[in-house]
Amino acid sequence: MTTKSDIAAAVADKTGSSKAAALEAIDAALDHIASTLAGGERVHLGGFGIFSVKPTKARKGRNPSTGEPVDIPAGRALKFKPAAELKGRI
């Protein structure tokens, strides 16, 4: 598993900046992506993929331990569609 710290170290090594500066840039980028998605907009990262938010309908579910019916409220789900370049590398 790769962590955000691992990514920051790789970015710092590749760009010649400090790990702290790379981590700050990564945090800023992730914060902007999260804010954009929270606003209901799509995020397209060329060569990587598209993040989007899809509304989900309210539905009936069942508690697996008791078998009782449960109402599941409407919500929003995060979707990711990988770009062809990313698919080709995996």
PDB file of N, CA and C in Angstrom:
ATOM      1  N   MET A   1       0.842  -1.177   0.000  1.00  0.00           N
ATOM      2  CA  MET A   1       0.000   0.000   0.000  1.00  0.00           C
ATOM      3  C   MET A   1       0.887   1.240   0.000  1.00  0.00           C
ATOM      4  N   THR A   2       0.506   2.221  -0.780  1.00  0.00           N
ATOM      5  CA  THR A   2       1.225   3.487  -0.832  1.00  0.00           C
ATOM      6  C   THR A   2       0.446   4.527  -0.044  1.00  0.00           C
ATOM      7  N   THR A   3       1.147   5.307   0.753  1.00  0.00           N
ATOM      8  CA  THR A   3       0.505   6.349   1.559  1.00  0.00           C
ATOM      9  C   THR A   3       0.764   7.716   0.944  1.00  0.00           C
ATOM     10  N   LYS A   4       0.079   8.718   1.464  1.00  0.00           N
ATOM     11  CA  LYS A   4       0.269  10.085   0.987  1.00  0.00           C
ATOM     12  C   LYS A   4       1.721  10.521   1.227  1.00  0.00           C
ATOM     13  N   SER A   5       2.304  10.072   2.319  1.00  0.00           N
ATOM     14  CA  SER A   5       3.697  10.396   2.624  1.00  0.00           C
ATOM     15  C   SER A   5       4.643   9.786   1.580  1.00  0.00           C
ATOM     16  N   ASP A   6       4.334   8.565   1.140  1.00  0.00           N
ATOM     17  CA  ASP A   6       5.144   7.925   0.090  1.00  0.00           C
ATOM     18  C   ASP A   6       5.057   8.711  -1.214  1.00  0.00           C
ATOM     19  N   ILE A   7       3.855   9.171  -1.545  1.00  0.00           N
ATOM     20  CA  ILE A   7       3.666   9.949  -2.768  1.00  0.00           C
ATOM     21  C   ILE A   7       4.420  11.269  -2.662  1.00  0.00           C
ATOM     22  N   ALA A   8       4.347  11.918  -1.510  1.00  0.00           N
ATOM     23  CA  ALA A   8       5.057  13.182  -1.308  1.00  0.00           C
ATOM     24  C   ALA A   8       6.563  12.985  -1.454  1.00  0.00           C
ATOM     25  N   ALA A   9       7.088  11.893  -0.930  1.00  0.00           N
ATOM     26  CA  ALA A   9       8.521  11.618  -1.059  1.00  0.00           C
ATOM     27  C   ALA A   9       8.906  11.411  -2.523  1.00  0.00           C
ATOM     28  N   ALA A  10       8.072  10.703  -3.270  1.00  0.00           N
ATOM     29  CA  ALA A  10       8.341  10.469  -4.694  1.00  0.00           C
ATOM     30  C   ALA A  10       8.270  11.769  -5.483  1.00  0.00           C
ATOM     31  N   VAL A  11       7.288  12.615  -5.177  1.00  0.00           N
ATOM     32  CA  VAL A  11       7.156  13.902  -5.866  1.00  0.00           C
ATOM     33  C   VAL A  11       8.353  14.790  -5.533  1.00  0.00           C
ATOM     34  N   ALA A  12       8.742  14.830  -4.272  1.00  0.00           N
ATOM     35  CA  ALA A  12       9.900  15.636  -3.856  1.00  0.00           C
ATOM     36  C   ALA A  12      11.158  15.174  -4.565  1.00  0.00           C
ATOM     37  N   ASP A  13      11.343  13.877  -4.683  1.00  0.00           N
ATOM     38  CA  ASP A  13      12.514  13.328  -5.348  1.00  0.00           C
ATOM     39  C   ASP A  13      12.518  13.675  -6.831  1.00  0.00           C
ATOM     40  N   LYS A  14      11.363  13.578  -7.460  1.00  0.00           N
ATOM     41  CA  LYS A  14      11.259  13.825  -8.904  1.00  0.00           C
ATOM     42  C   LYS A  14      11.374  15.304  -9.244  1.00  0.00           C
ATOM     43  N   THR A  15      10.890  16.187  -8.364  1.00  0.00           N
ATOM     44  CA  THR A  15      10.895  17.622  -8.657  1.00  0.00           C
ATOM     45  C   THR A  15      12.062  18.363  -8.020  1.00  0.00           C
ATOM     46  N   GLY A  16      12.764  17.718  -7.105  1.00  0.00           N
ATOM     47  CA  GLY A  16      13.880  18.370  -6.438  1.00  0.00           C
ATOM     48  C   GLY A  16      13.447  19.313  -5.326  1.00  0.00           C
ATOM     49  N   SER A  17      12.198  19.230  -4.924  1.00  0.00           N
ATOM     50  CA  SER A  17      11.715  20.072  -3.827  1.00  0.00           C
ATOM     51  C   SER A  17      11.788  19.284  -2.522  1.00  0.00           C
ATOM     52  N   SER A  18      11.411  19.944  -1.450  1.00  0.00           N
ATOM     53  CA  SER A  18      11.424  19.254  -0.168  1.00  0.00           C
ATOM     54  C   SER A  18      10.169  18.401  -0.027  1.00  0.00           C
ATOM     55  N   LYS A  19      10.237  17.430   0.853  1.00  0.00           N
ATOM     56  CA  LYS A  19       9.084  16.559   1.089  1.00  0.00           C
ATOM     57  C   LYS A  19       7.936  17.368   1.684  1.00  0.00           C
ATOM     58  N   ALA A  20       8.260  18.337   2.542  1.00  0.00           N
ATOM     59  CA  ALA A  20       7.223  19.174   3.162  1.00  0.00           C
ATOM     60  C   ALA A  20       6.494  19.997   2.102  1.00  0.00           C
ATOM     61  N   ALA A  21       7.239  20.549   1.137  1.00  0.00           N
ATOM     62  CA  ALA A  21       6.619  21.345   0.074  1.00  0.00           C
ATOM     63  C   ALA A  21       5.754  20.455  -0.819  1.00  0.00           C
ATOM     64  N   ALA A  22       6.239  19.258  -1.101  1.00  0.00           N
ATOM     65  CA  ALA A  22       5.464  18.328  -1.925  1.00  0.00           C
ATOM     66  C   ALA A  22       4.180  17.916  -1.205  1.00  0.00           C
ATOM     67  N   LEU A  23       4.280  17.651   0.087  1.00  0.00           N
ATOM     68  CA  LEU A  23       3.106  17.268   0.876  1.00  0.00           C
ATOM     69  C   LEU A  23       2.093  18.411   0.932  1.00  0.00           C
ATOM     70  N   GLU A  24       2.580  19.642   1.036  1.00  0.00           N
ATOM     71  CA  GLU A  24       1.694  20.804   1.050  1.00  0.00           C
ATOM     72  C   GLU A  24       0.965  20.937  -0.296  1.00  0.00           C
ATOM     73  N   ALA A  25       1.676  20.715  -1.392  1.00  0.00           N
ATOM     74  CA  ALA A  25       1.065  20.793  -2.722  1.00  0.00           C
ATOM     75  C   ALA A  25       0.033  19.682  -2.921  1.00  0.00           C
ATOM     76  N   ILE A  26       0.355  18.489  -2.459  1.00  0.00           N
ATOM     77  CA  ILE A  26      -0.580  17.363  -2.572  1.00  0.00           C
ATOM     78  C   ILE A  26      -1.834  17.636  -1.750  1.00  0.00           C
ATOM     79  N   ASP A  27      -1.650  18.138  -0.532  1.00  0.00           N
ATOM     80  CA  ASP A  27      -2.793  18.473   0.324  1.00  0.00           C
ATOM     81  C   ASP A  27      -3.681  19.523  -0.333  1.00  0.00           C
ATOM     82  N   ALA A  28      -3.064  20.544  -0.950  1.00  0.00           N
ATOM     83  CA  ALA A  28      -3.831  21.600  -1.611  1.00  0.00           C
ATOM     84  C   ALA A  28      -4.608  21.033  -2.795  1.00  0.00           C
ATOM     85  N   ALA A  29      -3.981  20.152  -3.568  1.00  0.00           N
ATOM     86  CA  ALA A  29      -4.655  19.550  -4.718  1.00  0.00           C
ATOM     87  C   ALA A  29      -5.817  18.671  -4.270  1.00  0.00           C
ATOM     88  N   LEU A  30      -5.599  17.852  -3.265  1.00  0.00           N
ATOM     89  CA  LEU A  30      -6.664  16.978  -2.775  1.00  0.00           C
ATOM     90  C   LEU A  30      -7.818  17.776  -2.169  1.00  0.00           C
ATOM     91  N   ASP A  31      -7.491  18.874  -1.482  1.00  0.00           N
ATOM     92  CA  ASP A  31      -8.527  19.724  -0.915  1.00  0.00           C
ATOM     93  C   ASP A  31      -9.371  20.349  -2.021  1.00  0.00           C
ATOM     94  N   HIS A  32      -8.735  20.786  -3.092  1.00  0.00           N
ATOM     95  CA  HIS A  32      -9.469  21.376  -4.211  1.00  0.00           C
ATOM     96  C   HIS A  32     -10.347  20.326  -4.899  1.00  0.00           C
ATOM     97  N   ILE A  33      -9.828  19.131  -5.076  1.00  0.00           N
ATOM     98  CA  ILE A  33     -10.615  18.050  -5.679  1.00  0.00           C
ATOM     99  C   ILE A  33     -11.833  17.747  -4.818  1.00  0.00           C
ATOM    100  N   ALA A  34     -11.646  17.620  -3.511  1.00  0.00           N
ATOM    101  CA  ALA A  34     -12.753  17.325  -2.601  1.00  0.00           C
ATOM    102  C   ALA A  34     -13.798  18.437  -2.620  1.00  0.00           C
ATOM    103  N   SER A  35     -13.362  19.691  -2.635  1.00  0.00           N
ATOM    104  CA  SER A  35     -14.293  20.814  -2.674  1.00  0.00           C
ATOM    105  C   SER A  35     -15.096  20.834  -3.968  1.00  0.00           C
ATOM    106  N   THR A  36     -14.432  20.547  -5.063  1.00  0.00           N
ATOM    107  CA  THR A  36     -15.102  20.514  -6.359  1.00  0.00           C
ATOM    108  C   THR A  36     -16.152  19.415  -6.395  1.00  0.00           C
ATOM    109  N   LEU A  37     -15.806  18.227  -5.897  1.00  0.00           N
ATOM    110  CA  LEU A  37     -16.761  17.116  -5.862  1.00  0.00           C
ATOM    111  C   LEU A  37     -17.918  17.419  -4.914  1.00  0.00           C
ATOM    112  N   ALA A  38     -17.637  18.054  -3.779  1.00  0.00           N
ATOM    113  CA  ALA A  38     -18.695  18.407  -2.833  1.00  0.00           C
ATOM    114  C   ALA A  38     -19.682  19.383  -3.459  1.00  0.00           C
ATOM    115  N   GLY A  39     -19.200  20.202  -4.394  1.00  0.00           N
ATOM    116  CA  GLY A  39     -20.061  21.133  -5.102  1.00  0.00           C
ATOM    117  C   GLY A  39     -20.837  20.484  -6.236  1.00  0.00           C
ATOM    118  N   GLY A  40     -20.640  19.179  -6.441  1.00  0.00           N
ATOM    119  CA  GLY A  40     -21.385  18.456  -7.468  1.00  0.00           C
ATOM    120  C   GLY A  40     -20.750  18.477  -8.843  1.00  0.00           C
ATOM    121  N   GLU A  41     -19.542  19.026  -8.970  1.00  0.00           N
ATOM    122  CA  GLU A  41     -18.869  19.084 -10.269  1.00  0.00           C
ATOM    123  C   GLU A  41     -17.960  17.873 -10.461  1.00  0.00           C
ATOM    124  N   ARG A  42     -17.662  17.576 -11.732  1.00  0.00           N
ATOM    125  CA  ARG A  42     -16.732  16.489 -12.060  1.00  0.00           C
ATOM    126  C   ARG A  42     -15.301  17.005 -12.011  1.00  0.00           C
ATOM    127  N   VAL A  43     -14.362  16.096 -11.760  1.00  0.00           N
ATOM    128  CA  VAL A  43     -12.936  16.423 -11.791  1.00  0.00           C
ATOM    129  C   VAL A  43     -12.289  15.518 -12.820  1.00  0.00           C
ATOM    130  N   HIS A  44     -11.730  16.124 -13.881  1.00  0.00           N
ATOM    131  CA  HIS A  44     -11.089  15.364 -14.950  1.00  0.00           C
ATOM    132  C   HIS A  44      -9.588  15.566 -14.853  1.00  0.00           C
ATOM    133  N   LEU A  45      -8.860  14.485 -14.604  1.00  0.00           N
ATOM    134  CA  LEU A  45      -7.403  14.523 -14.556  1.00  0.00           C
ATOM    135  C   LEU A  45      -6.905  13.784 -15.797  1.00  0.00           C
ATOM    136  N   GLY A  46      -6.463  14.535 -16.799  1.00  0.00           N
ATOM    137  CA  GLY A  46      -6.040  13.961 -18.068  1.00  0.00           C
ATOM    138  C   GLY A  46      -5.028  12.846 -17.893  1.00  0.00           C
ATOM    139  N   GLY A  47      -5.264  11.725 -18.544  1.00  0.00           N
ATOM    140  CA  GLY A  47      -4.373  10.584 -18.475  1.00  0.00           C
ATOM    141  C   GLY A  47      -4.557   9.737 -17.230  1.00  0.00           C
ATOM    142  N   PHE A  48      -5.387  10.198 -16.293  1.00  0.00           N
ATOM    143  CA  PHE A  48      -5.617   9.456 -15.057  1.00  0.00           C
ATOM    144  C   PHE A  48      -7.060   8.982 -14.965  1.00  0.00           C
ATOM    145  N   GLY A  49      -8.004   9.930 -15.036  1.00  0.00           N
ATOM    146  CA  GLY A  49      -9.404   9.536 -14.992  1.00  0.00           C
ATOM    147  C   GLY A  49     -10.318  10.671 -14.595  1.00  0.00           C
ATOM    148  N   ILE A  50     -11.585  10.327 -14.400  1.00  0.00           N
ATOM    149  CA  ILE A  50     -12.613  11.300 -14.051  1.00  0.00           C
ATOM    150  C   ILE A  50     -13.285  10.878 -12.749  1.00  0.00           C
ATOM    151  N   PHE A  51     -13.319  11.814 -11.792  1.00  0.00           N
ATOM    152  CA  PHE A  51     -14.053  11.621 -10.548  1.00  0.00           C
ATOM    153  C   PHE A  51     -15.378  12.351 -10.691  1.00  0.00           C
ATOM    154  N   SER A  52     -16.458  11.729 -10.242  1.00  0.00           N
ATOM    155  CA  SER A  52     -17.757  12.384 -10.265  1.00  0.00           C
ATOM    156  C   SER A  52     -18.589  11.902  -9.087  1.00  0.00           C
ATOM    157  N   VAL A  53     -19.673  12.629  -8.824  1.00  0.00           N
ATOM    158  CA  VAL A  53     -20.585  12.278  -7.743  1.00  0.00           C
ATOM    159  C   VAL A  53     -21.920  11.908  -8.366  1.00  0.00           C
ATOM    160  N   LYS A  54     -22.443  10.749  -7.973  1.00  0.00           N
ATOM    161  CA  LYS A  54     -23.709  10.268  -8.507  1.00  0.00           C
ATOM    162  C   LYS A  54     -24.727  10.208  -7.376  1.00  0.00           C
ATOM    163  N   PRO A  55     -25.912  10.791  -7.585  1.00  0.00           N
ATOM    164  CA  PRO A  55     -26.940  10.675  -6.547  1.00  0.00           C
ATOM    165  C   PRO A  55     -27.474   9.237  -6.470  1.00  0.00           C
ATOM    166  N   THR A  56     -27.782   8.791  -5.265  1.00  0.00           N
ATOM    167  CA  THR A  56     -28.373   7.463  -5.092  1.00  0.00           C
ATOM    168  C   THR A  56     -29.787   7.632  -4.571  1.00  0.00           C
ATOM    169  N   LYS A  57     -30.658   6.726  -4.947  1.00  0.00           N
ATOM    170  CA  LYS A  57     -32.059   6.776  -4.523  1.00  0.00           C
ATOM    171  C   LYS A  57     -32.218   6.145  -3.141  1.00  0.00           C
ATOM    172  N   ALA A  58     -33.258   6.578  -2.453  1.00  0.00           N
ATOM    173  CA  ALA A  58     -33.614   5.930  -1.188  1.00  0.00           C
ATOM    174  C   ALA A  58     -34.112   4.527  -1.514  1.00  0.00           C
ATOM    175  N   ARG A  59     -33.821   3.590  -0.643  1.00  0.00           N
ATOM    176  CA  ARG A  59     -34.227   2.210  -0.924  1.00  0.00           C
ATOM    177  C   ARG A  59     -34.437   1.449   0.379  1.00  0.00           C
ATOM    178  N   LYS A  60     -35.001   0.288   0.231  1.00  0.00           N
ATOM    179  CA  LYS A  60     -35.212  -0.602   1.387  1.00  0.00           C
ATOM    180  C   LYS A  60     -34.028  -1.557   1.459  1.00  0.00           C
ATOM    181  N   GLY A  61     -33.591  -1.830   2.675  1.00  0.00           N
ATOM    182  CA  GLY A  61     -32.527  -2.795   2.900  1.00  0.00           C
ATOM    183  C   GLY A  61     -32.956  -3.752   3.995  1.00  0.00           C
ATOM    184  N   ARG A  62     -32.051  -4.620   4.376  1.00  0.00           N
ATOM    185  CA  ARG A  62     -32.357  -5.592   5.415  1.00  0.00           C
ATOM    186  C   ARG A  62     -31.152  -5.697   6.340  1.00  0.00           C
ATOM    187  N   ASN A  63     -31.415  -5.636   7.641  1.00  0.00           N
ATOM    188  CA  ASN A  63     -30.359  -5.808   8.635  1.00  0.00           C
ATOM    189  C   ASN A  63     -29.920  -7.273   8.565  1.00  0.00           C
ATOM    190  N   PRO A  64     -28.654  -7.550   8.239  1.00  0.00           N
ATOM    191  CA  PRO A  64     -28.217  -8.935   8.065  1.00  0.00           C
ATOM    192  C   PRO A  64     -28.264  -9.775   9.345  1.00  0.00           C
ATOM    193  N   SER A  65     -28.124  -9.135  10.496  1.00  0.00           N
ATOM    194  CA  SER A  65     -28.116  -9.932  11.724  1.00  0.00           C
ATOM    195  C   SER A  65     -29.517 -10.241  12.235  1.00  0.00           C
ATOM    196  N   THR A  66     -30.456  -9.314  12.020  1.00  0.00           N
ATOM    197  CA  THR A  66     -31.807  -9.549  12.549  1.00  0.00           C
ATOM    198  C   THR A  66     -32.831  -9.852  11.464  1.00  0.00           C
ATOM    199  N   GLY A  67     -32.512  -9.494  10.230  1.00  0.00           N
ATOM    200  CA  GLY A  67     -33.451  -9.706   9.132  1.00  0.00           C
ATOM    201  C   GLY A  67     -34.526  -8.642   9.041  1.00  0.00           C
ATOM    202  N   GLU A  68     -34.490  -7.646   9.930  1.00  0.00           N
ATOM    203  CA  GLU A  68     -35.498  -6.590   9.914  1.00  0.00           C
ATOM    204  C   GLU A  68     -35.280  -5.652   8.729  1.00  0.00           C
ATOM    205  N   PRO A  69     -36.375  -5.157   8.134  1.00  0.00           N
ATOM    206  CA  PRO A  69     -36.237  -4.180   7.042  1.00  0.00           C
ATOM    207  C   PRO A  69     -35.675  -2.859   7.573  1.00  0.00           C
ATOM    208  N   VAL A  70     -34.864  -2.214   6.757  1.00  0.00           N
ATOM    209  CA  VAL A  70     -34.240  -0.948   7.127  1.00  0.00           C
ATOM    210  C   VAL A  70     -34.420   0.018   5.969  1.00  0.00           C
ATOM    211  N   ASP A  71     -34.765   1.273   6.260  1.00  0.00           N
ATOM    212  CA  ASP A  71     -34.836   2.307   5.232  1.00  0.00           C
ATOM    213  C   ASP A  71     -33.441   2.902   5.053  1.00  0.00           C
ATOM    214  N   ILE A  72     -32.949   2.883   3.815  1.00  0.00           N
ATOM    215  CA  ILE A  72     -31.655   3.474   3.488  1.00  0.00           C
ATOM    216  C   ILE A  72     -31.952   4.794   2.784  1.00  0.00           C
ATOM    217  N   PRO A  73     -31.520   5.926   3.348  1.00  0.00           N
ATOM    218  CA  PRO A  73     -31.855   7.223   2.763  1.00  0.00           C
ATOM    219  C   PRO A  73     -31.103   7.477   1.454  1.00  0.00           C
ATOM    220  N   ALA A  74     -31.628   8.418   0.667  1.00  0.00           N
ATOM    221  CA  ALA A  74     -30.944   8.843  -0.554  1.00  0.00           C
ATOM    222  C   ALA A  74     -29.612   9.472  -0.159  1.00  0.00           C
ATOM    223  N   GLY A  75     -28.666   9.415  -1.042  1.00  0.00           N
ATOM    224  CA  GLY A  75     -27.354   9.971  -0.745  1.00  0.00           C
ATOM    225  C   GLY A  75     -26.600  10.275  -2.017  1.00  0.00           C
ATOM    226  N   ARG A  76     -25.292  10.335  -1.891  1.00  0.00           N
ATOM    227  CA  ARG A  76     -24.429  10.578  -3.037  1.00  0.00           C
ATOM    228  C   ARG A  76     -23.265   9.596  -2.970  1.00  0.00           C
ATOM    229  N   ALA A  77     -22.886   9.073  -4.130  1.00  0.00           N
ATOM    230  CA  ALA A  77     -21.788   8.112  -4.195  1.00  0.00           C
ATOM    231  C   ALA A  77     -20.688   8.660  -5.098  1.00  0.00           C
ATOM    232  N   LEU A  78     -19.453   8.442  -4.712  1.00  0.00           N
ATOM    233  CA  LEU A  78     -18.310   8.865  -5.507  1.00  0.00           C
ATOM    234  C   LEU A  78     -18.038   7.823  -6.574  1.00  0.00           C
ATOM    235  N   LYS A  79     -17.833   8.291  -7.820  1.00  0.00           N
ATOM    236  CA  LYS A  79     -17.515   7.391  -8.931  1.00  0.00           C
ATOM    237  C   LYS A  79     -16.161   7.779  -9.502  1.00  0.00           C
ATOM    238  N   PHE A  80     -15.466   6.784 -10.032  1.00  0.00           N
ATOM    239  CA  PHE A  80     -14.196   7.037 -10.712  1.00  0.00           C
ATOM    240  C   PHE A  80     -14.168   6.240 -11.992  1.00  0.00           C
ATOM    241  N   LYS A  81     -13.885   6.921 -13.100  1.00  0.00           N
ATOM    242  CA  LYS A  81     -13.757   6.255 -14.387  1.00  0.00           C
ATOM    243  C   LYS A  81     -12.305   6.446 -14.840  1.00  0.00           C
ATOM    244  N   PRO A  82     -11.521   5.367 -14.850  1.00  0.00           N
ATOM    245  CA  PRO A  82     -10.119   5.500 -15.223  1.00  0.00           C
ATOM    246  C   PRO A  82      -9.955   5.827 -16.706  1.00  0.00           C
ATOM    247  N   ALA A  83      -8.915   6.607 -17.011  1.00  0.00           N
ATOM    248  CA  ALA A  83      -8.590   6.948 -18.394  1.00  0.00           C
ATOM    249  C   ALA A  83      -7.955   5.741 -19.080  1.00  0.00           C
ATOM    250  N   ALA A  84      -7.993   5.745 -20.389  1.00  0.00           N
ATOM    251  CA  ALA A  84      -7.416   4.636 -21.165  1.00  0.00           C
ATOM    252  C   ALA A  84      -5.916   4.479 -20.867  1.00  0.00           C
ATOM    253  N   GLU A  85      -5.211   5.604 -20.676  1.00  0.00           N
ATOM    254  CA  GLU A  85      -3.781   5.529 -20.360  1.00  0.00           C
ATOM    255  C   GLU A  85      -3.542   4.774 -19.060  1.00  0.00           C
ATOM    256  N   LEU A  86      -4.358   5.072 -18.044  1.00  0.00           N
ATOM    257  CA  LEU A  86      -4.220   4.392 -16.756  1.00  0.00           C
ATOM    258  C   LEU A  86      -4.545   2.920 -16.899  1.00  0.00           C
ATOM    259  N   LYS A  87      -5.620   2.618 -17.616  1.00  0.00           N
ATOM    260  CA  LYS A  87      -5.993   1.212 -17.838  1.00  0.00           C
ATOM    261  C   LYS A  87      -4.862   0.443 -18.520  1.00  0.00           C
ATOM    262  N   GLY A  88      -4.201   1.105 -19.472  1.00  0.00           N
ATOM    263  CA  GLY A  88      -3.102   0.476 -20.192  1.00  0.00           C
ATOM    264  C   GLY A  88      -1.888   0.182 -19.327  1.00  0.00           C
ATOM    265  N   ARG A  89      -1.705   0.966 -18.279  1.00  0.00           N
ATOM    266  CA  ARG A  89      -0.543   0.779 -17.402  1.00  0.00           C
ATOM    267  C   ARG A  89      -0.776  -0.267 -16.339  1.00  0.00           C
ATOM    268  N   ILE A  90      -2.023  -0.618 -16.112  1.00  0.00           N
ATOM    269  CA  ILE A  90      -2.340  -1.575 -15.038  1.00  0.00           C
ATOM    270  C   ILE A  90      -2.395  -2.982 -15.564  1.00  0.00           C
TER     271      ILE A  90
END
